[in-house]
Protein backbone atom coordinates (compact mmCIF):
# COMPACT_ATOMS: atom_id res chain seq x y z
CA MET A 1 0.00 0.00 0.00
CA ARG A 2 1.09 3.58 -0.56
CA GLN A 3 2.67 5.02 2.55
CA ASN A 4 1.16 8.47 1.95
CA TYR A 5 -2.23 7.20 3.13
CA VAL A 6 -1.32 4.26 5.35
CA ARG A 7 -0.41 6.75 8.08
CA GLN A 8 -3.96 8.15 7.97
CA CYS A 9 -5.63 4.76 8.46
CA PHE A 10 -7.02 3.27 11.62
CA PRO A 11 -6.04 -0.42 12.08
CA ILE A 12 -9.31 -1.91 10.80
CA LEU A 13 -9.20 0.21 7.65
CA LYS A 14 -5.53 -0.61 7.08
CA ASP A 15 -6.29 -4.34 7.35
CA PHE A 16 -9.20 -3.98 4.93
CA LEU A 17 -7.10 -2.15 2.32
CA GLY A 18 -4.33 -4.71 2.65
CA TYR A 19 -6.82 -7.54 2.17
CA MET A 20 -8.28 -5.92 -0.94
CA GLU A 21 -4.84 -5.43 -2.47
CA VAL A 22 -3.08 -8.66 -1.51
CA VAL A 23 -5.86 -11.25 -1.24
CA LYS A 24 -8.46 -9.88 -3.66
CA GLY A 25 -5.84 -8.59 -6.09
CA ARG A 26 -7.29 -5.10 -6.49
CA SER A 27 -5.07 -2.54 -8.19
CA ILE A 28 -3.28 0.18 -6.23
CA ASN A 29 -5.58 2.78 -7.78
CA THR A 30 -8.72 0.87 -6.76
CA VAL A 31 -7.43 0.43 -3.21
CA GLU A 32 -6.67 4.13 -3.00
CA GLU A 33 -10.21 4.94 -4.15
CA TYR A 34 -11.54 2.75 -1.32
CA PHE A 35 -9.35 4.66 1.12
CA ILE A 36 -10.45 8.10 -0.11
CA ASP A 37 -14.14 7.15 -0.03
CA LEU A 38 -13.96 5.63 3.45
CA ARG A 39 -11.86 8.47 4.83
CA THR A 40 -14.46 10.92 3.52
CA PHE A 41 -17.23 8.84 5.08
CA PHE A 42 -15.74 8.67 8.59
CA ARG A 43 -14.67 12.31 8.50
CA THR A 44 -18.23 13.30 7.56
CA ILE A 45 -19.79 11.12 10.28
CA LYS A 46 -17.58 12.78 12.90
CA ILE A 47 -18.58 16.22 11.60
CA LEU A 48 -22.30 15.39 11.49
CA ARG A 49 -22.15 14.03 15.05
CA GLY A 50 -20.41 17.14 16.34
CA LEU A 51 -17.28 15.24 17.36
CA VAL A 52 -14.96 17.90 15.95
CA PRO A 53 -14.79 21.70 16.40
CA PRO A 54 -17.61 23.49 14.52
CA ASN A 55 -15.25 25.31 12.14
CA ALA A 56 -13.02 22.32 11.40
CA GLU A 57 -12.20 21.73 7.74
CA PRO A 58 -12.88 18.16 6.51
CA GLU A 59 -9.24 17.62 5.54
CA ASP A 60 -8.18 18.44 9.12
CA VAL A 61 -10.41 15.77 10.66
CA THR A 62 -8.39 12.73 11.71
CA ILE A 63 -9.83 9.24 11.57
CA THR A 64 -6.97 7.35 13.24
CA ASP A 65 -9.03 7.09 16.44
CA ILE A 66 -11.87 5.13 14.78
CA ASP A 67 -12.32 1.67 16.32
CA ILE A 68 -14.78 -1.20 16.07
CA ASN A 69 -16.97 0.25 18.82
CA PHE A 70 -17.42 3.44 16.80
CA ILE A 71 -18.13 1.45 13.63
CA ARG A 72 -20.81 -0.57 15.45
CA THR A 73 -22.74 2.64 16.05
CA ILE A 74 -23.10 3.32 12.30
CA THR A 75 -26.68 2.97 11.06
CA LEU A 76 -28.27 3.06 7.63
CA GLN A 77 -29.69 6.47 8.56
CA ASP A 78 -26.14 7.73 9.16
CA VAL A 79 -25.17 6.51 5.71
CA TYR A 80 -28.07 8.29 4.03
CA GLU A 81 -27.25 11.50 5.91
CA TYR A 82 -23.68 11.17 4.65
CA MET A 83 -24.83 10.58 1.06
CA ASN A 84 -27.12 13.60 1.28
CA HIS A 85 -24.23 15.68 2.62
CA VAL A 86 -21.77 14.81 -0.14
CA LYS A 87 -24.46 15.29 -2.78
CA ASN A 88 -25.67 18.71 -1.65
CA ASP A 89 -22.72 20.23 0.20
CA ARG A 90 -19.90 18.74 -1.85
CA GLU A 91 -21.86 18.61 -5.12
CA ASN A 92 -21.01 14.98 -5.91
CA HIS A 93 -22.71 13.74 -9.05
CA ALA A 94 -24.53 10.42 -9.40
CA ARG A 95 -21.47 8.47 -10.56
CA ALA A 96 -19.40 9.63 -7.57
CA LEU A 97 -22.26 8.80 -5.20
CA ALA A 98 -22.56 5.33 -6.71
CA ARG A 99 -18.84 4.74 -6.19
CA LYS A 100 -19.03 5.88 -2.58
CA ALA A 101 -21.98 3.55 -1.97
CA CYS A 102 -20.00 0.70 -3.50
CA SER A 103 -16.99 1.38 -1.26
CA LEU A 104 -19.19 1.35 1.85
CA ARG A 105 -20.90 -1.85 0.74
CA VAL A 106 -17.57 -3.65 0.20
CA PHE A 107 -16.10 -2.40 3.50
CA PHE A 108 -19.04 -3.36 5.69
CA ARG A 109 -19.52 -6.68 3.93
CA HIS A 110 -15.86 -7.43 4.70
CA LEU A 111 -16.37 -6.66 8.40
CA THR A 112 -19.58 -8.70 8.54
CA ASN A 113 -18.96 -11.73 6.34
CA TYR A 114 -15.18 -12.16 6.37
CA THR A 115 -13.72 -10.88 9.64
CA HIS A 116 -17.00 -11.23 11.60
CA GLN A 117 -16.32 -8.05 13.58
CA LEU A 118 -19.90 -6.96 12.95
CA GLU A 119 -23.00 -9.05 13.50
CA VAL A 120 -25.25 -6.80 11.43
CA ASN A 121 -24.34 -5.12 8.16
CA PRO A 122 -25.77 -1.56 8.37
CA VAL A 123 -25.58 -0.98 4.61
CA GLN A 124 -27.13 -4.26 3.51
CA ASN A 125 -30.22 -2.44 2.25
CA LEU A 126 -28.40 0.62 0.93
CA ASP A 127 -29.80 1.73 -2.41
CA THR A 128 -27.29 2.65 -5.09
CA PRO A 129 -27.88 6.02 -6.78
CA LYS A 130 -28.98 5.55 -10.37
CA THR A 131 -26.44 6.71 -12.93
CA ARG A 132 -27.12 7.66 -16.50
CA LYS A 133 -25.22 5.41 -18.89
CA ALA A 134 -23.72 7.89 -21.30
CA LEU A 135 -22.33 6.67 -24.58
CA PRO A 136 -18.51 6.84 -24.59
CA LYS A 137 -16.91 9.73 -26.42
CA TYR A 138 -14.35 8.76 -29.00
CA LEU A 139 -12.23 10.13 -31.81
CA THR A 140 -13.21 9.66 -35.43
CA LEU A 141 -10.81 7.85 -37.73
CA GLU A 142 -9.74 11.19 -39.22
CA GLN A 143 -9.14 12.70 -35.77
CA SER A 144 -7.14 9.63 -34.73
CA ILE A 145 -4.89 9.95 -37.77
CA ALA A 146 -4.44 13.67 -37.08
CA LEU A 147 -3.46 12.90 -33.46
CA LEU A 148 -0.85 10.37 -34.59
CA GLN A 149 0.74 13.05 -36.75
CA CYS A 150 1.30 15.35 -33.76
CA PRO A 151 4.30 13.87 -31.85
CA ASP A 152 7.49 15.83 -32.36
CA GLY A 153 10.54 16.99 -30.43
CA GLU A 154 12.95 15.05 -28.24
CA PHE A 155 10.43 12.35 -27.25
CA ALA A 156 8.61 12.03 -30.58
CA GLU A 157 9.29 8.29 -30.96
CA ARG A 158 8.17 7.56 -27.41
CA ASP A 159 5.02 9.62 -27.66
CA TYR A 160 4.10 8.22 -31.07
CA CYS A 161 4.54 4.69 -29.72
CA ILE A 162 2.31 5.44 -26.71
CA LEU A 163 -0.45 6.93 -28.86
CA THR A 164 -0.23 4.03 -31.31
CA LEU A 165 -0.56 1.40 -28.57
CA MET A 166 -3.48 3.23 -26.98
CA LEU A 167 -5.35 3.74 -30.24
CA ASN A 168 -4.69 0.25 -31.61
CA CYS A 169 -4.85 -1.91 -28.50
CA GLY A 170 -7.23 0.04 -26.26
CA LEU A 171 -4.85 -0.10 -23.29
CA ARG A 172 -5.79 1.62 -20.05
CA ARG A 173 -3.55 4.42 -18.79
CA ALA A 174 -2.30 2.31 -15.89
CA GLU A 175 -1.54 -0.53 -18.29
CA ILE A 176 0.58 1.74 -20.48
CA VAL A 177 2.74 3.06 -17.64
CA GLY A 178 2.99 -0.44 -16.16
CA LEU A 179 4.45 -1.97 -19.32
CA ASN A 180 7.92 -3.50 -19.07
CA LEU A 181 10.49 -4.14 -21.77
CA SER A 182 10.16 -7.86 -21.00
CA ASP A 183 6.44 -7.70 -21.82
CA ILE A 184 7.29 -7.43 -25.53
CA ARG A 185 7.48 -11.00 -26.80
CA SER A 186 9.30 -12.40 -29.78
CA ASP A 187 6.09 -13.86 -31.21
CA GLY A 188 4.65 -10.39 -31.83
CA THR A 189 2.50 -10.27 -28.72
CA LEU A 190 2.42 -7.99 -25.70
CA ARG A 191 1.84 -9.09 -22.10
CA VAL A 192 -0.47 -6.68 -20.30
CA LEU A 193 -1.20 -6.59 -16.58
CA GLY A 194 -4.72 -5.24 -16.20
CA LYS A 195 -7.18 -4.50 -13.41
CA GLY A 196 -6.99 -6.84 -10.45
CA ASN A 197 -3.52 -7.97 -11.61
CA LYS A 198 -5.16 -10.01 -14.36
CA GLU A 199 -2.77 -10.86 -17.14
CA ARG A 200 -3.74 -10.95 -20.80
CA VAL A 201 -1.87 -11.22 -24.08
CA ILE A 202 -2.47 -8.80 -26.97
CA TYR A 203 -1.38 -9.43 -30.53
CA LEU A 204 0.45 -6.43 -31.96
CA ASN A 205 -0.52 -5.29 -35.43
CA ASP A 206 1.95 -3.88 -37.95
CA ALA A 207 1.50 -0.29 -36.80
CA CYS A 208 2.34 -1.20 -33.20
CA ARG A 209 5.36 -3.29 -34.18
CA VAL A 210 6.78 -0.50 -36.34
CA ALA A 211 6.17 2.09 -33.59
CA LEU A 212 8.03 -0.08 -31.06
CA GLU A 213 10.89 -0.71 -33.49
CA ARG A 214 11.29 3.05 -33.94
CA TYR A 215 11.06 3.81 -30.23
CA LEU A 216 13.25 1.13 -28.65
CA PRO A 217 16.60 2.48 -30.03
CA THR A 218 15.75 5.85 -28.41
CA ARG A 219 14.74 4.33 -25.07
CA PRO A 220 17.11 5.55 -22.30
CA VAL A 221 19.66 3.10 -20.92
CA ASP A 222 22.38 5.19 -19.31
CA GLY A 223 21.47 6.99 -16.10
CA VAL A 224 18.46 4.80 -15.35
CA GLU A 225 18.20 3.47 -11.79
CA LYS A 226 18.49 -0.30 -11.43
CA LYS A 227 14.90 -0.69 -10.19
CA GLU A 228 13.61 1.21 -13.24
CA ARG A 229 15.60 -0.60 -15.94
CA ASN A 230 12.76 -2.85 -17.08
CA ALA A 231 10.24 -0.03 -17.60
CA LEU A 232 9.17 0.40 -21.21
CA PHE A 233 8.38 4.11 -21.09
CA TYR A 234 10.40 6.71 -19.20
CA SER A 235 9.83 10.31 -18.21
CA ARG A 236 12.23 13.14 -18.91
CA LEU A 237 13.93 12.31 -15.59
CA LYS A 238 14.56 8.70 -16.74
CA LYS A 239 12.07 7.26 -14.30
CA ARG A 240 9.10 5.04 -15.15
CA LEU A 241 6.44 7.21 -16.74
CA SER A 242 3.70 8.03 -14.20
CA LEU A 243 -0.04 8.28 -14.72
CA GLN A 244 0.16 12.03 -14.34
CA GLY A 245 3.02 12.21 -16.82
CA LEU A 246 1.05 10.19 -19.34
CA HIS A 247 -1.96 12.46 -18.82
CA TYR A 248 0.07 15.58 -19.65
CA ILE A 249 1.67 13.99 -22.70
CA VAL A 250 -1.60 12.84 -24.27
CA LYS A 251 -3.52 15.94 -23.22
CA GLY A 252 -0.89 18.13 -24.84
CA TYR A 253 -1.31 16.42 -28.19
CA LEU A 254 -5.10 16.33 -27.96
CA LYS A 255 -5.09 20.12 -27.65
CA ARG A 256 -3.37 20.36 -31.02
CA VAL A 257 -6.24 18.71 -32.89
CA ASP A 258 -9.35 20.80 -33.55
CA GLY A 259 -12.30 19.63 -31.51
CA LEU A 260 -10.31 17.46 -29.09
CA GLU A 261 -9.30 20.09 -26.54
CA GLU A 262 -11.67 18.72 -23.88
CA TYR A 263 -10.84 15.06 -24.46
CA SER A 264 -8.72 12.95 -22.10
CA ALA A 265 -6.29 10.06 -22.44
CA HIS A 266 -9.01 7.57 -21.53
CA LYS A 267 -10.93 8.56 -24.67
CA LEU A 268 -8.23 6.82 -26.72
CA ARG A 269 -9.30 3.51 -25.19
CA HIS A 270 -12.90 4.25 -26.18
CA THR A 271 -11.68 5.15 -29.66
CA ALA A 272 -9.77 1.89 -30.12
CA ALA A 273 -12.76 -0.16 -28.95
CA THR A 274 -15.23 1.72 -31.14
CA LEU A 275 -13.08 1.56 -34.28
CA MET A 276 -12.46 -2.16 -33.83
CA TYR A 277 -16.14 -2.92 -33.26
CA ARG A 278 -17.27 -0.85 -36.22
CA ASN A 279 -14.78 -2.62 -38.45
CA GLY A 280 -16.09 -6.07 -37.72
CA VAL A 281 -14.43 -7.24 -34.48
CA ASP A 282 -16.79 -9.58 -32.63
CA ILE A 283 -17.96 -8.23 -29.27
CA ARG A 284 -16.66 -11.31 -27.44
CA ILE A 285 -13.20 -10.91 -28.95
CA LEU A 286 -13.28 -7.21 -28.11
CA LYS A 287 -14.02 -8.15 -24.50
CA GLU A 288 -10.79 -10.17 -24.33
CA ILE A 289 -8.73 -7.45 -26.01
CA LEU A 290 -9.95 -4.80 -23.57
CA GLY A 291 -9.62 -7.04 -20.53
CA HIS A 292 -13.24 -6.64 -19.44
CA GLU A 293 -14.51 -9.06 -16.84
CA ASN A 294 -18.12 -8.89 -18.00
CA LEU A 295 -19.49 -8.78 -21.53
CA GLY A 296 -21.99 -6.16 -20.37
CA THR A 297 -19.14 -3.68 -19.93
CA THR A 298 -18.01 -4.20 -23.51
CA GLU A 299 -21.52 -3.87 -24.94
CA ILE A 300 -21.44 -0.10 -24.48
CA TYR A 301 -19.36 -0.02 -27.66
CA THR A 302 -22.19 -1.47 -29.70
CA HIS A 303 -23.79 1.97 -29.87
CA LEU A 304 -24.63 3.11 -33.37
CA SER A 305 -24.19 6.55 -34.84
CA SER A 306 -26.94 8.26 -36.75
CA GLU A 307 -24.75 7.95 -39.84
CA GLN A 308 -24.65 4.17 -39.45
CA LEU A 309 -28.38 4.01 -38.94
CA GLU A 310 -28.91 6.07 -42.09
CA LYS A 311 -26.58 3.80 -44.07
CA ALA A 312 -28.37 0.73 -42.73
CA ALA A 313 -31.70 2.11 -43.93
CA ASP A 314 -30.27 2.89 -47.36
CA ALA A 315 -28.72 -0.60 -47.59
CA ASN A 316 -32.15 -2.23 -47.76
CA PRO A 317 -32.63 -3.36 -51.40
CA LEU A 318 -36.14 -1.96 -51.30
CA ALA A 319 -34.84 1.52 -50.49
CA ARG A 320 -34.84 2.52 -54.17
CA ILE A 321 -38.25 1.12 -55.08
CA HIS A 322 -40.76 3.89 -55.78
CA PRO A 323 -44.48 3.72 -56.56
CA LYS A 324 -45.60 3.76 -60.15
CA LYS A 325 -46.88 7.03 -61.45
CA SER A 326 -50.57 7.40 -60.83
CA ASN A 327 -52.73 6.48 -63.83
CA LYS A 328 -56.12 7.77 -62.75
CA ARG A 329 -59.21 6.90 -64.76
CA ASN A 330 -62.54 8.55 -64.52
CA THR A 331 -64.88 6.14 -62.90
CA GLN A 332 -68.40 6.48 -61.72
CA ALA A 333 -69.45 5.24 -58.39
């Protein structure tokens, strides 16, 4: 676990986070989200119960004194008051509320069903806020090509390789920065460590192979620390590229293409998935490429554009059949 938040944990929370990371195999980012959500929850409960000075800022509220006796006092009503607070006072949207509800559900289920520190789960009947399933935003083929033409400067080969892998393979940001040199295999495949430390193998197409061949000779070797020597992508400081570093790199290039200023690095994953699906990749194969656990997650890419719907209508062989010209005759009733 990351030491920057371990120090803020009370023992029960620390044990829970460790269990989720080591035993359940959750990623560091997922574990940190659990921590942030649960820290917010217990801070808010202390504020709502008047256990801190009236003018105390949430970030100044410590939770290291929370113990099982305090946790046993939590009721479903407390949870709904907390959800109401973060919705109205902190302006959390439905997706954030749903994530917070999920974190509470996992935490209390762990204490009830696995460690048996609680006899009754207070959030067992907690309703999850409904979220609107928005269609994923993605780049058009033309915009994708324009983005690939952007990399220049000292790290042009690296940046082009990153964009190519993201747009062709649909890799997550964490998967890109987690890639090692040893993950590139001689058979033209790439080993990827995805969510929950689940490993999958991706076949590299010609564009990806060429991008890697161009980048690898420019990859730093001298001045790299021993623990970093297997990293595939490095920052300017010759350290493994971080998530934040990747964000700035991709965001910088997106700003150069008209209409993509507000897009993020994650949209490249949506783009890869959408382009593959629209060019005939079976949804079940796409699920394996993207590393989705459930087919339902992948099915969001089956959305159809109005242009496709129009083309489908025009593709009907009856689309060009018109009625004969009227040949009216005078008839008497």
